[in-house]
PDB file of all heavy atoms in Angstrom:
ATOM      1  N   THR A   1      24.486  56.182 -10.235  1.00  0.00           N
ATOM      2  CA  THR A   1      25.540  55.196 -10.028  1.00  0.00           C
ATOM      3  C   THR A   1      25.242  54.402  -8.762  1.00  0.00           C
ATOM      4  O   THR A   1      24.943  54.983  -7.709  1.00  0.00           O
ATOM      5  CB  THR A   1      26.916  55.881  -9.891  1.00  0.00           C
ATOM      6  OG1 THR A   1      27.200  56.592 -11.105  1.00  0.00           O
ATOM      7  CG2 THR A   1      28.005  54.858  -9.650  1.00  0.00           C
ATOM      8  N   VAL A   2      25.313  53.081  -8.872  1.00  0.00           N
ATOM      9  CA  VAL A   2      25.058  52.186  -7.734  1.00  0.00           C
ATOM     10  C   VAL A   2      26.376  51.514  -7.363  1.00  0.00           C
ATOM     11  O   VAL A   2      27.049  50.920  -8.224  1.00  0.00           O
ATOM     12  CB  VAL A   2      23.999  51.123  -8.089  1.00  0.00           C
ATOM     13  CG1 VAL A   2      23.689  50.264  -6.866  1.00  0.00           C
ATOM     14  CG2 VAL A   2      22.730  51.781  -8.622  1.00  0.00           C
ATOM     15  N   ILE A   3      26.741  51.594  -6.086  1.00  0.00           N
ATOM     16  CA  ILE A   3      28.028  51.074  -5.623  1.00  0.00           C
ATOM     17  C   ILE A   3      27.794  49.913  -4.655  1.00  0.00           C
ATOM     18  O   ILE A   3      27.038  50.035  -3.678  1.00  0.00           O
ATOM     19  CB  ILE A   3      28.845  52.171  -4.915  1.00  0.00           C
ATOM     20  CG1 ILE A   3      29.014  53.373  -5.859  1.00  0.00           C
ATOM     21  CG2 ILE A   3      30.197  51.631  -4.453  1.00  0.00           C
ATOM     22  CD1 ILE A   3      29.575  54.611  -5.169  1.00  0.00           C
ATOM     23  N   GLY A   4      28.424  48.782  -4.953  1.00  0.00           N
ATOM     24  CA  GLY A   4      28.353  47.612  -4.089  1.00  0.00           C
ATOM     25  C   GLY A   4      29.727  47.219  -3.588  1.00  0.00           C
ATOM     26  O   GLY A   4      30.733  47.840  -3.946  1.00  0.00           O
ATOM     27  N   PRO A   5      29.817  46.159  -2.774  1.00  0.00           N
ATOM     28  CA  PRO A   5      31.115  45.748  -2.211  1.00  0.00           C
ATOM     29  C   PRO A   5      32.087  45.177  -3.245  1.00  0.00           C
ATOM     30  O   PRO A   5      33.291  45.169  -3.022  1.00  0.00           O
ATOM     31  CB  PRO A   5      30.726  44.688  -1.172  1.00  0.00           C
ATOM     32  CG  PRO A   5      29.391  44.183  -1.616  1.00  0.00           C
ATOM     33  CD  PRO A   5      28.704  45.355  -2.243  1.00  0.00           C
ATOM     34  N   LYS A   6      31.585  44.708  -4.385  1.00  0.00           N
ATOM     35  CA  LYS A   6      32.445  44.076  -5.386  1.00  0.00           C
ATOM     36  C   LYS A   6      32.532  44.853  -6.694  1.00  0.00           C
ATOM     37  O   LYS A   6      33.307  44.481  -7.580  1.00  0.00           O
ATOM     38  CB  LYS A   6      31.937  42.659  -5.687  1.00  0.00           C
ATOM     39  CG  LYS A   6      31.922  41.720  -4.503  1.00  0.00           C
ATOM     40  CD  LYS A   6      33.331  41.359  -4.053  1.00  0.00           C
ATOM     41  CE  LYS A   6      33.295  40.303  -2.953  1.00  0.00           C
ATOM     42  NZ  LYS A   6      34.657  39.921  -2.509  1.00  0.00           N
ATOM     43  N   GLY A   7      31.715  45.893  -6.866  1.00  0.00           N
ATOM     44  CA  GLY A   7      31.737  46.602  -8.123  1.00  0.00           C
ATOM     45  C   GLY A   7      30.752  47.750  -8.159  1.00  0.00           C
ATOM     46  O   GLY A   7      30.049  48.033  -7.171  1.00  0.00           O
ATOM     47  N   THR A   8      30.692  48.405  -9.323  1.00  0.00           N
ATOM     48  CA  THR A   8      29.856  49.582  -9.518  1.00  0.00           C
ATOM     49  C   THR A   8      29.037  49.432 -10.801  1.00  0.00           C
ATOM     50  O   THR A   8      29.545  48.920 -11.799  1.00  0.00           O
ATOM     51  CB  THR A   8      30.715  50.850  -9.601  1.00  0.00           C
ATOM     52  OG1 THR A   8      31.414  51.022  -8.373  1.00  0.00           O
ATOM     53  CG2 THR A   8      29.857  52.087  -9.862  1.00  0.00           C
ATOM     54  N   VAL A   9      27.774  49.902 -10.758  1.00  0.00           N
ATOM     55  CA  VAL A   9      26.895  49.892 -11.922  1.00  0.00           C
ATOM     56  C   VAL A   9      26.465  51.327 -12.201  1.00  0.00           C
ATOM     57  O   VAL A   9      25.985  52.017 -11.295  1.00  0.00           O
ATOM     58  CB  VAL A   9      25.646  49.011 -11.691  1.00  0.00           C
ATOM     59  CG1 VAL A   9      24.662  49.155 -12.851  1.00  0.00           C
ATOM     60  CG2 VAL A   9      26.052  47.556 -11.528  1.00  0.00           C
ATOM     61  N   VAL A  10      26.621  51.762 -13.441  1.00  0.00           N
ATOM     62  CA  VAL A  10      26.150  53.086 -13.846  1.00  0.00           C
ATOM     63  C   VAL A  10      24.846  52.898 -14.629  1.00  0.00           C
ATOM     64  O   VAL A  10      24.859  52.368 -15.747  1.00  0.00           O
ATOM     65  CB  VAL A  10      27.192  53.821 -14.714  1.00  0.00           C
ATOM     66  CG1 VAL A  10      26.651  55.186 -15.136  1.00  0.00           C
ATOM     67  CG2 VAL A  10      28.505  53.976 -13.951  1.00  0.00           C
ATOM     68  N   LEU A  11      23.740  53.300 -14.035  1.00  0.00           N
ATOM     69  CA  LEU A  11      22.429  53.120 -14.654  1.00  0.00           C
ATOM     70  C   LEU A  11      22.102  54.311 -15.556  1.00  0.00           C
ATOM     71  O   LEU A  11      22.155  55.461 -15.102  1.00  0.00           O
ATOM     72  CB  LEU A  11      21.342  52.991 -13.589  1.00  0.00           C
ATOM     73  CG  LEU A  11      21.419  51.791 -12.636  1.00  0.00           C
ATOM     74  CD1 LEU A  11      20.328  51.910 -11.578  1.00  0.00           C
ATOM     75  CD2 LEU A  11      21.284  50.483 -13.403  1.00  0.00           C
ATOM     76  N   PRO A  12      21.715  54.063 -16.806  1.00  0.00           N
ATOM     77  CA  PRO A  12      21.290  55.165 -17.672  1.00  0.00           C
ATOM     78  C   PRO A  12      19.898  55.677 -17.322  1.00  0.00           C
ATOM     79  O   PRO A  12      19.537  56.807 -17.635  1.00  0.00           O
ATOM     80  CB  PRO A  12      21.313  54.542 -19.067  1.00  0.00           C
ATOM     81  CG  PRO A  12      21.067  53.085 -18.825  1.00  0.00           C
ATOM     82  CD  PRO A  12      21.733  52.774 -17.515  1.00  0.00           C
ATOM     83  N   GLU A  13      19.088  54.834 -16.680  1.00  0.00           N
ATOM     84  CA  GLU A  13      17.749  55.211 -16.232  1.00  0.00           C
ATOM     85  C   GLU A  13      17.324  54.278 -15.110  1.00  0.00           C
ATOM     86  O   GLU A  13      17.982  53.280 -14.830  1.00  0.00           O
ATOM     87  CB  GLU A  13      16.731  55.127 -17.387  1.00  0.00           C
ATOM     88  CG  GLU A  13      16.555  53.739 -17.962  1.00  0.00           C
ATOM     89  CD  GLU A  13      15.553  53.679 -19.100  1.00  0.00           C
ATOM     90  OE1 GLU A  13      15.131  54.743 -19.586  1.00  0.00           O
ATOM     91  OE2 GLU A  13      15.196  52.557 -19.500  1.00  0.00           O
ATOM     92  N   GLY A  14      16.203  54.610 -14.450  1.00  0.00           N
ATOM     93  CA  GLY A  14      15.699  53.696 -13.427  1.00  0.00           C
ATOM     94  C   GLY A  14      15.418  54.308 -12.073  1.00  0.00           C
ATOM     95  O   GLY A  14      14.933  53.629 -11.166  1.00  0.00           O
ATOM     96  N   VAL A  15      15.690  55.620 -11.895  1.00  0.00           N
ATOM     97  CA  VAL A  15      15.444  56.267 -10.598  1.00  0.00           C
ATOM     98  C   VAL A  15      14.066  56.922 -10.607  1.00  0.00           C
ATOM     99  O   VAL A  15      13.738  57.701 -11.503  1.00  0.00           O
ATOM    100  CB  VAL A  15      16.516  57.336 -10.294  1.00  0.00           C
ATOM    101  CG1 VAL A  15      16.250  57.971  -8.927  1.00  0.00           C
ATOM    102  CG2 VAL A  15      17.905  56.712 -10.329  1.00  0.00           C
ATOM    103  N   MET A  16      13.250  56.602  -9.607  1.00  0.00           N
ATOM    104  CA  MET A  16      11.878  57.109  -9.560  1.00  0.00           C
ATOM    105  C   MET A  16      11.423  57.327  -8.134  1.00  0.00           C
ATOM    106  O   MET A  16      11.955  56.744  -7.185  1.00  0.00           O
ATOM    107  CB  MET A  16      10.929  56.110 -10.241  1.00  0.00           C
ATOM    108  CG  MET A  16      11.016  54.708  -9.655  1.00  0.00           C
ATOM    109  SD  MET A  16       9.856  53.538 -10.347  1.00  0.00           S
ATOM    110  CE  MET A  16       8.436  53.869  -9.314  1.00  0.00           C
ATOM    111  N   VAL A  17      10.430  58.216  -7.975  1.00  0.00           N
ATOM    112  CA  VAL A  17       9.655  58.330  -6.748  1.00  0.00           C
ATOM    113  C   VAL A  17       8.355  57.580  -7.015  1.00  0.00           C
ATOM    114  O   VAL A  17       7.653  57.878  -7.990  1.00  0.00           O
ATOM    115  CB  VAL A  17       9.379  59.807  -6.392  1.00  0.00           C
ATOM    116  CG1 VAL A  17       8.452  59.903  -5.185  1.00  0.00           C
ATOM    117  CG2 VAL A  17      10.681  60.540  -6.128  1.00  0.00           C
ATOM    118  N   ALA A  18       8.051  56.598  -6.196  1.00  0.00           N
ATOM    119  CA  ALA A  18       6.910  55.719  -6.473  1.00  0.00           C
ATOM    120  C   ALA A  18       5.588  56.469  -6.348  1.00  0.00           C
ATOM    121  O   ALA A  18       5.339  57.162  -5.357  1.00  0.00           O
ATOM    122  CB  ALA A  18       6.921  54.527  -5.528  1.00  0.00           C
ATOM    123  N   ALA A  19       4.729  56.308  -7.360  1.00  0.00           N
ATOM    124  CA  ALA A  19       3.365  56.823  -7.267  1.00  0.00           C
ATOM    125  C   ALA A  19       2.616  56.029  -6.207  1.00  0.00           C
ATOM    126  O   ALA A  19       2.762  54.801  -6.110  1.00  0.00           O
ATOM    127  CB  ALA A  19       2.663  56.689  -8.624  1.00  0.00           C
ATOM    128  N   ARG A  20       1.848  56.719  -5.380  1.00  0.00           N
ATOM    129  CA  ARG A  20       1.079  56.001  -4.353  1.00  0.00           C
ATOM    130  C   ARG A  20       0.070  55.083  -5.040  1.00  0.00           C
ATOM    131  O   ARG A  20      -0.565  55.452  -6.033  1.00  0.00           O
ATOM    132  CB  ARG A  20       0.411  56.989  -3.404  1.00  0.00           C
ATOM    133  CG  ARG A  20      -0.443  58.036  -4.054  1.00  0.00           C
ATOM    134  CD  ARG A  20      -0.995  59.028  -3.034  1.00  0.00           C
ATOM    135  NE  ARG A  20      -0.009  59.998  -2.610  1.00  0.00           N
ATOM    136  CZ  ARG A  20      -0.043  61.290  -2.946  1.00  0.00           C
ATOM    137  NH1 ARG A  20      -1.005  61.753  -3.737  1.00  0.00           N
ATOM    138  NH2 ARG A  20       0.867  62.115  -2.515  1.00  0.00           N
ATOM    139  N   HIS A  21      -0.104  53.879  -4.494  1.00  0.00           N
ATOM    140  CA  HIS A  21      -0.928  52.878  -5.173  1.00  0.00           C
ATOM    141  C   HIS A  21      -1.478  51.859  -4.179  1.00  0.00           C
ATOM    142  O   HIS A  21      -0.992  51.764  -3.040  1.00  0.00           O
ATOM    143  CB  HIS A  21      -0.123  52.165  -6.261  1.00  0.00           C
ATOM    144  CG  HIS A  21       1.143  51.532  -5.747  1.00  0.00           C
ATOM    145  ND1 HIS A  21       2.306  52.254  -5.541  1.00  0.00           N
ATOM    146  CD2 HIS A  21       1.430  50.257  -5.395  1.00  0.00           C
ATOM    147  CE1 HIS A  21       3.256  51.438  -5.086  1.00  0.00           C
ATOM    148  NE2 HIS A  21       2.741  50.230  -4.982  1.00  0.00           N
ATOM    149  N   ILE A  22      -2.494  51.118  -4.633  1.00  0.00           N
ATOM    150  CA  ILE A  22      -3.101  50.061  -3.821  1.00  0.00           C
ATOM    151  C   ILE A  22      -2.978  48.747  -4.577  1.00  0.00           C
ATOM    152  O   ILE A  22      -3.475  48.618  -5.698  1.00  0.00           O
ATOM    153  CB  ILE A  22      -4.585  50.332  -3.524  1.00  0.00           C
ATOM    154  CG1 ILE A  22      -4.767  51.691  -2.856  1.00  0.00           C
ATOM    155  CG2 ILE A  22      -5.170  49.222  -2.640  1.00  0.00           C
ATOM    156  CD1 ILE A  22      -6.230  52.093  -2.682  1.00  0.00           C
ATOM    157  N   HIS A  23      -2.303  47.770  -3.983  1.00  0.00           N
ATOM    158  CA  HIS A  23      -2.207  46.435  -4.563  1.00  0.00           C
ATOM    159  C   HIS A  23      -3.449  45.625  -4.184  1.00  0.00           C
ATOM    160  O   HIS A  23      -3.964  45.739  -3.070  1.00  0.00           O
ATOM    161  CB  HIS A  23      -0.978  45.701  -4.020  1.00  0.00           C
ATOM    162  CG  HIS A  23       0.321  46.184  -4.569  1.00  0.00           C
ATOM    163  ND1 HIS A  23       0.718  45.949  -5.858  1.00  0.00           N
ATOM    164  CD2 HIS A  23       1.331  46.899  -3.988  1.00  0.00           C
ATOM    165  CE1 HIS A  23       1.903  46.479  -6.068  1.00  0.00           C
ATOM    166  NE2 HIS A  23       2.297  47.076  -4.941  1.00  0.00           N
ATOM    167  N   MET A  24      -3.904  44.780  -5.089  1.00  0.00           N
ATOM    168  CA  MET A  24      -4.944  43.801  -4.768  1.00  0.00           C
ATOM    169  C   MET A  24      -4.979  42.718  -5.836  1.00  0.00           C
ATOM    170  O   MET A  24      -4.520  42.923  -6.973  1.00  0.00           O
ATOM    171  CB  MET A  24      -6.321  44.454  -4.586  1.00  0.00           C
ATOM    172  CG  MET A  24      -6.864  45.203  -5.763  1.00  0.00           C
ATOM    173  SD  MET A  24      -8.451  46.013  -5.364  1.00  0.00           S
ATOM    174  CE  MET A  24      -7.923  47.359  -4.309  1.00  0.00           C
ATOM    175  N   SER A  25      -5.514  41.575  -5.469  1.00  0.00           N
ATOM    176  CA  SER A  25      -5.670  40.466  -6.406  1.00  0.00           C
ATOM    177  C   SER A  25      -6.981  40.633  -7.167  1.00  0.00           C
ATOM    178  O   SER A  25      -7.841  41.432  -6.764  1.00  0.00           O
ATOM    179  CB  SER A  25      -5.694  39.139  -5.638  1.00  0.00           C
ATOM    180  OG  SER A  25      -6.867  39.062  -4.834  1.00  0.00           O
ATOM    181  N   PRO A  26      -7.183  39.898  -8.271  1.00  0.00           N
ATOM    182  CA  PRO A  26      -8.455  39.995  -8.998  1.00  0.00           C
ATOM    183  C   PRO A  26      -9.670  39.679  -8.131  1.00  0.00           C
ATOM    184  O   PRO A  26     -10.700  40.346  -8.240  1.00  0.00           O
ATOM    185  CB  PRO A  26      -8.282  38.960 -10.117  1.00  0.00           C
ATOM    186  CG  PRO A  26      -6.814  38.924 -10.367  1.00  0.00           C
ATOM    187  CD  PRO A  26      -6.192  39.081  -9.000  1.00  0.00           C
ATOM    188  N   SER A  27      -9.563  38.681  -7.244  1.00  0.00           N
ATOM    189  CA  SER A  27     -10.709  38.335  -6.397  1.00  0.00           C
ATOM    190  C   SER A  27     -10.989  39.442  -5.381  1.00  0.00           C
ATOM    191  O   SER A  27     -12.149  39.758  -5.093  1.00  0.00           O
ATOM    192  CB  SER A  27     -10.457  37.004  -5.678  1.00  0.00           C
ATOM    193  OG  SER A  27      -9.312  37.087  -4.838  1.00  0.00           O
ATOM    194  N   GLN A  28      -9.939  40.044  -4.829  1.00  0.00           N
ATOM    195  CA  GLN A  28     -10.129  41.152  -3.888  1.00  0.00           C
ATOM    196  C   GLN A  28     -10.735  42.365  -4.588  1.00  0.00           C
ATOM    197  O   GLN A  28     -11.578  43.058  -4.025  1.00  0.00           O
ATOM    198  CB  GLN A  28      -8.790  41.524  -3.250  1.00  0.00           C
ATOM    199  CG  GLN A  28      -8.256  40.481  -2.281  1.00  0.00           C
ATOM    200  CD  GLN A  28      -6.821  40.740  -1.856  1.00  0.00           C
ATOM    201  OE1 GLN A  28      -6.045  41.361  -2.592  1.00  0.00           O
ATOM    202  NE2 GLN A  28      -6.451  40.259  -0.682  1.00  0.00           N
ATOM    203  N   ALA A  29     -10.305  42.600  -5.822  1.00  0.00           N
ATOM    204  CA  ALA A  29     -10.856  43.724  -6.591  1.00  0.00           C
ATOM    205  C   ALA A  29     -12.330  43.503  -6.891  1.00  0.00           C
ATOM    206  O   ALA A  29     -13.156  44.415  -6.746  1.00  0.00           O
ATOM    207  CB  ALA A  29     -10.071  43.913  -7.886  1.00  0.00           C
ATOM    208  N   ALA A  30     -12.685  42.289  -7.314  1.00  0.00           N
ATOM    209  CA  ALA A  30     -14.085  41.987  -7.623  1.00  0.00           C
ATOM    210  C   ALA A  30     -14.958  42.083  -6.384  1.00  0.00           C
ATOM    211  O   ALA A  30     -16.077  42.597  -6.425  1.00  0.00           O
ATOM    212  CB  ALA A  30     -14.193  40.589  -8.238  1.00  0.00           C
ATOM    213  N   GLU A  31     -14.420  41.604  -5.270  1.00  0.00           N
ATOM    214  CA  GLU A  31     -15.162  41.611  -4.012  1.00  0.00           C
ATOM    215  C   GLU A  31     -15.459  43.033  -3.543  1.00  0.00           C
ATOM    216  O   GLU A  31     -16.508  43.304  -2.963  1.00  0.00           O
ATOM    217  CB  GLU A  31     -14.326  40.870  -2.959  1.00  0.00           C
ATOM    218  CG  GLU A  31     -15.050  40.567  -1.670  1.00  0.00           C
ATOM    219  CD  GLU A  31     -14.206  39.703  -0.753  1.00  0.00           C
ATOM    220  OE1 GLU A  31     -12.955  39.868  -0.744  1.00  0.00           O
ATOM    221  OE2 GLU A  31     -14.772  38.864  -0.052  1.00  0.00           O
ATOM    222  N   ARG A  32     -14.547  43.943  -3.859  1.00  0.00           N
ATOM    223  CA  ARG A  32     -14.672  45.334  -3.388  1.00  0.00           C
ATOM    224  C   ARG A  32     -15.144  46.297  -4.473  1.00  0.00           C
ATOM    225  O   ARG A  32     -15.339  47.473  -4.211  1.00  0.00           O
ATOM    226  CB  ARG A  32     -13.329  45.813  -2.828  1.00  0.00           C
ATOM    227  CG  ARG A  32     -12.951  45.101  -1.541  1.00  0.00           C
ATOM    228  CD  ARG A  32     -11.485  45.262  -1.204  1.00  0.00           C
ATOM    229  NE  ARG A  32     -11.202  44.714   0.114  1.00  0.00           N
ATOM    230  CZ  ARG A  32     -11.056  43.418   0.374  1.00  0.00           C
ATOM    231  NH1 ARG A  32     -11.151  42.539  -0.602  1.00  0.00           N
ATOM    232  NH2 ARG A  32     -10.820  42.998   1.594  1.00  0.00           N
ATOM    233  N   GLY A  33     -15.276  45.809  -5.707  1.00  0.00           N
ATOM    234  CA  GLY A  33     -15.765  46.656  -6.784  1.00  0.00           C
ATOM    235  C   GLY A  33     -14.733  47.601  -7.359  1.00  0.00           C
ATOM    236  O   GLY A  33     -15.076  48.693  -7.804  1.00  0.00           O
ATOM    237  N   PHE A  34     -13.438  47.192  -7.367  1.00  0.00           N
ATOM    238  CA  PHE A  34     -12.379  47.999  -7.958  1.00  0.00           C
ATOM    239  C   PHE A  34     -11.948  47.396  -9.296  1.00  0.00           C
ATOM    240  O   PHE A  34     -12.241  46.239  -9.588  1.00  0.00           O
ATOM    241  CB  PHE A  34     -11.163  48.065  -7.029  1.00  0.00           C
ATOM    242  CG  PHE A  34     -11.381  48.856  -5.773  1.00  0.00           C
ATOM    243  CD1 PHE A  34     -11.653  48.221  -4.562  1.00  0.00           C
ATOM    244  CD2 PHE A  34     -11.309  50.237  -5.790  1.00  0.00           C
ATOM    245  CE1 PHE A  34     -11.854  48.939  -3.398  1.00  0.00           C
ATOM    246  CE2 PHE A  34     -11.507  50.973  -4.619  1.00  0.00           C
ATOM    247  CZ  PHE A  34     -11.782  50.323  -3.437  1.00  0.00           C
ATOM    248  N   HIS A  35     -11.214  48.175 -10.084  1.00  0.00           N
ATOM    249  CA  HIS A  35     -10.628  47.645 -11.313  1.00  0.00           C
ATOM    250  C   HIS A  35      -9.230  48.201 -11.502  1.00  0.00           C
ATOM    251  O   HIS A  35      -8.885  49.264 -10.967  1.00  0.00           O
ATOM    252  CB  HIS A  35     -11.502  47.964 -12.528  1.00  0.00           C
ATOM    253  CG  HIS A  35     -11.660  49.427 -12.807  1.00  0.00           C
ATOM    254  ND1 HIS A  35     -10.716  50.170 -13.488  1.00  0.00           N
ATOM    255  CD2 HIS A  35     -12.649  50.306 -12.484  1.00  0.00           C
ATOM    256  CE1 HIS A  35     -11.113  51.422 -13.580  1.00  0.00           C
ATOM    257  NE2 HIS A  35     -12.282  51.542 -12.974  1.00  0.00           N
ATOM    258  N   ASP A  36      -8.413  47.476 -12.241  1.00  0.00           N
ATOM    259  CA  ASP A  36      -7.031  47.869 -12.458  1.00  0.00           C
ATOM    260  C   ASP A  36      -6.946  49.223 -13.154  1.00  0.00           C
ATOM    261  O   ASP A  36      -7.668  49.495 -14.106  1.00  0.00           O
ATOM    262  CB  ASP A  36      -6.320  46.809 -13.310  1.00  0.00           C
ATOM    263  CG  ASP A  36      -4.834  47.085 -13.455  1.00  0.00           C
ATOM    264  OD1 ASP A  36      -4.192  47.354 -12.431  1.00  0.00           O
ATOM    265  OD2 ASP A  36      -4.322  47.047 -14.592  1.00  0.00           O
ATOM    266  N   GLY A  37      -6.067  50.082 -12.657  1.00  0.00           N
ATOM    267  CA  GLY A  37      -5.891  51.403 -13.239  1.00  0.00           C
ATOM    268  C   GLY A  37      -6.835  52.456 -12.690  1.00  0.00           C
ATOM    269  O   GLY A  37      -6.706  53.639 -13.039  1.00  0.00           O
TER     270      GLY A  37
END
């Protein structure tokens, strides 16, 4: 349940602990030899 100043939202799903990850653009990935996933 998410509570704000004007109302409340009951979420059926959506709560997570984020998996550690590295963001990069396609050019940065190519430059460094990485690939998505």
